[in-house]
Structure formats: structure tokens, C-alpha cells
C-alpha atoms as a PDB file:
ATOM      1  CA  MET A   1      26.776 -45.038  83.166  1.00  0.00           C
ATOM      2  CA  ARG A   2      28.075 -41.590  83.020  1.00  0.00           C
ATOM      3  CA  GLN A   3      31.338 -40.388  83.216  1.00  0.00           C
ATOM      4  CA  PRO A   4      31.947 -37.942  85.705  1.00  0.00           C
ATOM      5  CA  LEU A   5      32.963 -34.456  84.414  1.00  0.00           C
ATOM      6  CA  THR A   6      36.252 -33.571  84.471  1.00  0.00           C
ATOM      7  CA  PRO A   7      36.987 -29.959  85.244  1.00  0.00           C
ATOM      8  CA  SER A   8      37.939 -28.915  81.894  1.00  0.00           C
ATOM      9  CA  ALA A   9      34.462 -30.655  80.411  1.00  0.00           C
ATOM     10  CA  TRP A  10      32.447 -28.719  83.510  1.00  0.00           C
ATOM     11  CA  HIS A  11      34.270 -25.443  82.164  1.00  0.00           C
ATOM     12  CA  ASP A  12      33.150 -26.037  78.742  1.00  0.00           C
ATOM     13  CA  THR A  13      29.187 -27.379  79.858  1.00  0.00           C
ATOM     14  CA  ALA A  14      28.944 -24.407  82.167  1.00  0.00           C
ATOM     15  CA  TYR A  15      29.746 -21.835  79.420  1.00  0.00           C
ATOM     16  CA  THR A  16      27.552 -23.004  76.738  1.00  0.00           C
ATOM     17  CA  ILE A  17      24.766 -23.218  79.271  1.00  0.00           C
ATOM     18  CA  ALA A  18      25.757 -19.497  80.004  1.00  0.00           C
ATOM     19  CA  ILE A  19      25.945 -18.594  76.562  1.00  0.00           C
ATOM     20  CA  ARG A  20      22.749 -20.072  75.672  1.00  0.00           C
ATOM     21  CA  GLU A  21      21.164 -18.496  78.414  1.00  0.00           C
ATOM     22  CA  SER A  22      22.208 -15.057  77.683  1.00  0.00           C
ATOM     23  CA  GLU A  23      21.433 -15.211  74.161  1.00  0.00           C
ATOM     24  CA  ASP A  24      17.527 -16.057  75.966  1.00  0.00           C
ATOM     25  CA  LEU A  25      18.020 -13.524  78.196  1.00  0.00           C
ATOM     26  CA  ARG A  26      19.248 -10.915  75.219  1.00  0.00           C
ATOM     27  CA  LYS A  27      15.892 -11.948  73.313  1.00  0.00           C
ATOM     28  CA  LEU A  28      13.550 -11.555  76.235  1.00  0.00           C
ATOM     29  CA  ILE A  29      14.653  -8.195  76.846  1.00  0.00           C
ATOM     30  CA  LEU A  30      14.596  -6.942  73.375  1.00  0.00           C
ATOM     31  CA  THR A  31      11.075  -8.103  73.271  1.00  0.00           C
ATOM     32  CA  LEU A  32       9.971  -6.435  76.132  1.00  0.00           C
ATOM     33  CA  GLY A  33      11.915  -3.427  75.270  1.00  0.00           C
ATOM     34  CA  VAL A  34      10.360  -3.453  71.817  1.00  0.00           C
ATOM     35  CA  GLY A  35       6.975  -3.933  73.326  1.00  0.00           C
ATOM     36  CA  ALA A  36       7.366  -1.452  76.197  1.00  0.00           C
ATOM     37  CA  ALA A  37       8.020   1.000  73.363  1.00  0.00           C
ATOM     38  CA  LEU A  38       5.283   0.283  71.674  1.00  0.00           C
ATOM     39  CA  ALA A  39       2.846   0.574  74.203  1.00  0.00           C
ATOM     40  CA  LEU A  40       4.088   3.916  75.482  1.00  0.00           C
ATOM     41  CA  GLY A  41       4.897   5.302  71.706  1.00  0.00           C
ATOM     42  CA  THR A  42       1.100   4.498  71.066  1.00  0.00           C
ATOM     43  CA  ALA A  43       0.372   6.173  74.478  1.00  0.00           C
ATOM     44  CA  GLY A  44       1.641   9.155  73.494  1.00  0.00           C
ATOM     45  CA  VAL A  45       0.504   8.883  69.912  1.00  0.00           C
ATOM     46  CA  ALA A  46      -2.971   9.030  71.715  1.00  0.00           C
ATOM     47  CA  ASP A  47      -2.308  11.647  74.755  1.00  0.00           C
ATOM     48  CA  GLY A  48      -0.814  13.925  72.043  1.00  0.00           C
ATOM     49  CA  ALA A  49      -4.052  13.716  69.665  1.00  0.00           C
ATOM     50  CA  VAL A  50      -6.482  14.444  72.218  1.00  0.00           C
ATOM     51  CA  SER A  51      -4.346  17.090  73.953  1.00  0.00           C
ATOM     52  CA  HIS A  52      -4.079  18.668  70.508  1.00  0.00           C
ATOM     53  CA  ALA A  53      -7.650  18.475  70.161  1.00  0.00           C
ATOM     54  CA  SER A  54      -8.244  20.595  73.203  1.00  0.00           C
ATOM     55  CA  GLN A  55      -5.521  23.534  72.193  1.00  0.00           C
ATOM     56  CA  THR A  56      -6.709  26.792  70.458  1.00  0.00           C
ATOM     57  CA  ARG A  57      -5.254  27.107  67.250  1.00  0.00           C
ATOM     58  CA  CYS A  58      -3.658  30.838  68.246  1.00  0.00           C
ATOM     59  CA  GLY A  59      -2.680  32.555  71.840  1.00  0.00           C
ATOM     60  CA  GLY A  60      -1.165  29.691  73.390  1.00  0.00           C
ATOM     61  CA  THR A  61       2.182  28.652  74.332  1.00  0.00           C
ATOM     62  CA  TYR A  62       2.962  26.406  71.509  1.00  0.00           C
ATOM     63  CA  SER A  63       0.880  28.300  68.799  1.00  0.00           C
ATOM     64  CA  PRO A  64       1.240  31.391  66.667  1.00  0.00           C
ATOM     65  CA  ALA A  65       0.024  34.653  68.329  1.00  0.00           C
ATOM     66  CA  CYS A  66      -3.816  35.642  67.384  1.00  0.00           C
ATOM     67  CA  SER A  67      -3.265  38.509  64.525  1.00  0.00           C
ATOM     68  CA  LYS A  68      -6.626  40.099  62.679  1.00  0.00           C
ATOM     69  CA  PRO A  69      -7.951  38.209  59.855  1.00  0.00           C
ATOM     70  CA  LYS A  70      -6.751  39.288  56.026  1.00  0.00           C
ATOM     71  CA  ILE A  71      -9.050  39.812  53.259  1.00  0.00           C
ATOM     72  CA  ALA A  72      -7.502  39.444  49.645  1.00  0.00           C
ATOM     73  CA  PHE A  73      -8.596  39.961  46.254  1.00  0.00           C
ATOM     74  CA  PRO A  74      -7.399  40.662  42.901  1.00  0.00           C
ATOM     75  CA  THR A  75      -7.460  44.202  41.531  1.00  0.00           C
ATOM     76  CA  PRO A  76     -11.136  44.873  39.895  1.00  0.00           C
ATOM     77  CA  SER A  77     -11.638  45.947  36.648  1.00  0.00           C
ATOM     78  CA  ALA A  78     -11.976  50.009  36.402  1.00  0.00           C
ATOM     79  CA  ALA A  79     -14.483  49.472  33.365  1.00  0.00           C
ATOM     80  CA  CYS A  80     -17.964  50.710  34.608  1.00  0.00           C
ATOM     81  CA  THR A  81     -20.561  48.330  34.677  1.00  0.00           C
ATOM     82  CA  THR A  82     -23.888  48.485  32.887  1.00  0.00           C
ATOM     83  CA  ALA A  83     -26.852  49.815  34.521  1.00  0.00           C
ATOM     84  CA  GLY A  84     -29.716  47.041  35.086  1.00  0.00           C
ATOM     85  CA  GLY A  85     -26.825  44.460  35.103  1.00  0.00           C
ATOM     86  CA  PHE A  86     -24.558  42.633  37.502  1.00  0.00           C
ATOM     87  CA  TYR A  87     -20.940  43.466  38.930  1.00  0.00           C
ATOM     88  CA  LYS A  88     -19.269  40.265  39.493  1.00  0.00           C
ATOM     89  CA  LEU A  89     -17.045  40.537  42.501  1.00  0.00           C
ATOM     90  CA  PRO A  90     -13.644  39.142  42.053  1.00  0.00           C
ATOM     91  CA  THR A  91     -12.622  36.002  44.259  1.00  0.00           C
ATOM     92  CA  LEU A  92     -12.445  37.025  47.792  1.00  0.00           C
ATOM     93  CA  THR A  93      -9.875  35.003  49.919  1.00  0.00           C
ATOM     94  CA  PHE A  94     -10.342  35.531  53.796  1.00  0.00           C
ATOM     95  CA  THR A  95      -7.500  34.019  56.291  1.00  0.00           C
ATOM     96  CA  SER A  96      -7.693  33.597  60.014  1.00  0.00           C
ATOM     97  CA  VAL A  97      -5.151  31.760  62.539  1.00  0.00           C
ATOM     98  CA  ALA A  98      -7.797  31.636  64.882  1.00  0.00           C
ATOM     99  CA  GLY A  99     -10.425  30.804  62.797  1.00  0.00           C
ATOM    100  CA  ILE A 100     -13.389  32.458  60.880  1.00  0.00           C
ATOM    101  CA  ARG A 101     -16.633  33.121  62.445  1.00  0.00           C
ATOM    102  CA  SER A 102     -18.505  35.368  59.628  1.00  0.00           C
ATOM    103  CA  ILE A 103     -18.116  37.282  56.456  1.00  0.00           C
ATOM    104  CA  THR A 104     -20.741  40.440  55.555  1.00  0.00           C
ATOM    105  CA  LEU A 105     -20.518  41.964  52.412  1.00  0.00           C
ATOM    106  CA  SER A 106     -22.504  45.461  52.400  1.00  0.00           C
ATOM    107  CA  LEU A 107     -23.426  47.786  49.550  1.00  0.00           C
ATOM    108  CA  GLY A 108     -23.579  51.358  50.700  1.00  0.00           C
ATOM    109  CA  GLY A 109     -25.231  50.631  54.035  1.00  0.00           C
ATOM    110  CA  PRO A 110     -25.715  47.995  56.818  1.00  0.00           C
ATOM    111  CA  SER A 111     -28.081  45.823  55.084  1.00  0.00           C
ATOM    112  CA  ALA A 112     -25.601  42.817  54.123  1.00  0.00           C
ATOM    113  CA  VAL A 113     -25.501  41.885  50.059  1.00  0.00           C
ATOM    114  CA  LYS A 114     -24.087  38.190  51.112  1.00  0.00           C
ATOM    115  CA  SER A 115     -23.671  37.211  54.882  1.00  0.00           C
ATOM    116  CA  ILE A 116     -21.700  33.689  55.833  1.00  0.00           C
ATOM    117  CA  SER A 117     -21.320  32.340  59.212  1.00  0.00           C
ATOM    118  CA  PHE A 118     -19.328  29.666  60.642  1.00  0.00           C
ATOM    119  CA  ALA A 119     -20.077  27.243  63.668  1.00  0.00           C
ATOM    120  CA  GLY A 120     -17.224  26.037  66.080  1.00  0.00           C
ATOM    121  CA  THR A 121     -13.687  26.887  65.306  1.00  0.00           C
ATOM    122  CA  GLY A 122     -14.723  27.692  61.733  1.00  0.00           C
ATOM    123  CA  PRO A 123     -12.483  27.359  58.975  1.00  0.00           C
ATOM    124  CA  THR A 124      -8.896  29.206  59.084  1.00  0.00           C
ATOM    125  CA  GLN A 125      -9.356  30.214  55.008  1.00  0.00           C
ATOM    126  CA  TYR A 126     -12.635  30.418  52.879  1.00  0.00           C
ATOM    127  CA  LYS A 127     -12.824  31.906  49.463  1.00  0.00           C
ATOM    128  CA  VAL A 128     -15.845  33.754  48.275  1.00  0.00           C
ATOM    129  CA  THR A 129     -16.567  33.296  44.373  1.00  0.00           C
ATOM    130  CA  GLY A 130     -19.455  33.807  41.869  1.00  0.00           C
ATOM    131  CA  VAL A 131     -20.827  36.796  44.040  1.00  0.00           C
ATOM    132  CA  LYS A 132     -22.700  39.053  41.796  1.00  0.00           C
ATOM    133  CA  ILE A 133     -24.131  42.163  42.372  1.00  0.00           C
ATOM    134  CA  PRO A 134     -27.035  43.700  40.898  1.00  0.00           C
ATOM    135  CA  THR A 135     -26.982  47.423  39.642  1.00  0.00           C
ATOM    136  CA  LYS A 136     -30.542  47.700  39.032  1.00  0.00           C
ATOM    137  CA  GLY A 137     -31.855  51.026  41.169  1.00  0.00           C
ATOM    138  CA  LEU A 138     -28.393  51.606  41.730  1.00  0.00           C
ATOM    139  CA  PRO A 139     -27.123  55.914  40.798  1.00  0.00           C
ATOM    140  CA  ALA A 140     -24.450  55.907  38.208  1.00  0.00           C
ATOM    141  CA  GLY A 141     -21.273  56.580  39.200  1.00  0.00           C
ATOM    142  CA  PRO A 142     -18.937  55.064  41.505  1.00  0.00           C
ATOM    143  CA  GLN A 143     -19.957  52.382  44.409  1.00  0.00           C
ATOM    144  CA  LYS A 144     -18.254  50.939  47.257  1.00  0.00           C
ATOM    145  CA  ILE A 145     -18.908  47.217  48.774  1.00  0.00           C
ATOM    146  CA  THR A 146     -17.421  46.768  52.407  1.00  0.00           C
ATOM    147  CA  ILE A 147     -15.898  43.515  53.172  1.00  0.00           C
ATOM    148  CA  THR A 148     -15.470  42.723  56.704  1.00  0.00           C
ATOM    149  CA  VAL A 149     -14.632  39.281  58.431  1.00  0.00           C
ATOM    150  CA  LYS A 150     -14.705  38.404  62.038  1.00  0.00           C
ATOM    151  CA  ASP A 151     -12.661  35.548  63.578  1.00  0.00           C
ATOM    152  CA  ILE A 152     -13.453  33.605  66.824  1.00  0.00           C
ATOM    153  CA  LYS A 153     -11.651  35.450  68.916  1.00  0.00           C
ATOM    154  CA  GLY A 154     -13.707  38.878  67.858  1.00  0.00           C
ATOM    155  CA  LYS A 155     -11.021  40.322  65.555  1.00  0.00           C
ATOM    156  CA  THR A 156     -12.227  42.243  62.386  1.00  0.00           C
ATOM    157  CA  ALA A 157     -10.659  43.371  59.378  1.00  0.00           C
ATOM    158  CA  SER A 158     -12.692  45.351  56.754  1.00  0.00           C
ATOM    159  CA  THR A 159     -11.603  46.554  52.965  1.00  0.00           C
ATOM    160  CA  MET A 160     -13.813  48.716  50.549  1.00  0.00           C
ATOM    161  CA  LEU A 161     -14.088  47.735  46.961  1.00  0.00           C
ATOM    162  CA  ARG A 162     -15.026  49.930  44.652  1.00  0.00           C
ATOM    163  CA  PHE A 163     -16.648  49.493  41.103  1.00  0.00           C
ATOM    164  CA  SER A 164     -18.856  51.575  38.681  1.00  0.00           C
ATOM    165  CA  VAL A 165     -22.045  51.613  37.257  1.00  0.00           C
ATOM    166  CA  CYS A 166     -22.441  53.449  33.728  1.00  0.00           C
ATOM    167  CA  THR A 167     -24.199  56.291  33.146  1.00  0.00           C
ATOM    168  CA  ALA A 168     -27.035  55.077  31.180  1.00  0.00           C
ATOM    169  CA  LYS A 169     -27.132  56.277  26.989  1.00  0.00           C
ATOM    170  CA  PRO A 170     -29.946  58.865  26.093  1.00  0.00           C
ATOM    171  CA  VAL A 171     -32.137  56.749  23.700  1.00  0.00           C
ATOM    172  CA  PHE A 172     -33.360  58.898  20.643  1.00  0.00           C
ATOM    173  CA  THR A 173     -36.763  58.036  19.257  1.00  0.00           C
ATOM    174  CA  GLY A 174     -38.212  59.824  16.069  1.00  0.00           C
END
């Protein structure tokens, strides 16, 4: 038969039970808290990905201002290009905060030597390399290539690249 609990033993037993329950409660709260944080954190990441995809690259509350695109290239060689050969353009680098829609290279008129178009939001940076301009049929002297870039917001930037075609040397016979 069990002995009745004395007030002192009763207090010790109640205290031990309270401690065990508080540790279990602490573990339960910690587990629920971590689970809730993970659930909310994951939802926040997913929400962030969706809302970021729908935002524009520029002109929004939390994005940079939409500035006109930029064109960069190293200084071309001053040497003239042989008539009947090719003039190789230096590497052209185009940048746009909004995204590039089109790039056009024209030689002395409205017809394009090279034209590149992009769908959707377009890249924010693009390099054009290895473009060769045929000099056959061009008059001797200075030539101008007009380089134009247009972004998805309709802003444009243009610049000129100059090169020279050499005067053909006379051929002596006889």
C-alpha cells in the first residue's frame, strides 16, 4: 500500500511535474515557432520571386531610373583600310538598364549593314564582335558607320565610328 504524501513530498512531486511539463511546453513552442518561421519564410521567398518577375527593370519604386542606352568601343585604328578588302569593327558593347530592343549598324545611308533585334525584355548588356564591312565599291577617303541602340522603353542612343579607305595605288605597265 502506498504511503500518503507529506506536504513536503507533495511539493517536491508537483515541482518535478511542473518542470517536466515546462520543458515539454518549451520544446513544443520552439518546434511550432521554427515550423511557422519556415512556412512564412518560404512563402515570403516565393512571393518575392513572383513579384520580382512582374516588376520592370527601371522606372519603378525600387529600381533605378530609366536612362538612355550606352554604346562603348575602343578607339579604332587611324590606318586606312585597303580598297576591296574588309574593315573589321572593334568590339562594340551596348548597355541599357531597361533592356536592349534593337541594334543597328549602317554605312552611309539608311540600309543596315547589321541589324539585331531582341524579344521580351532583352539583355541589359550585349557585345557585337567580328563584324567585317566590305570596302569594295566604297570611294577612297573617310567613311562613317552609324551605330544605333534602342531599348524596350523606346529610348535611343547613336554614335558614329569613322574609318578610311585607302586610295588605290596606280599600277604601271610597260
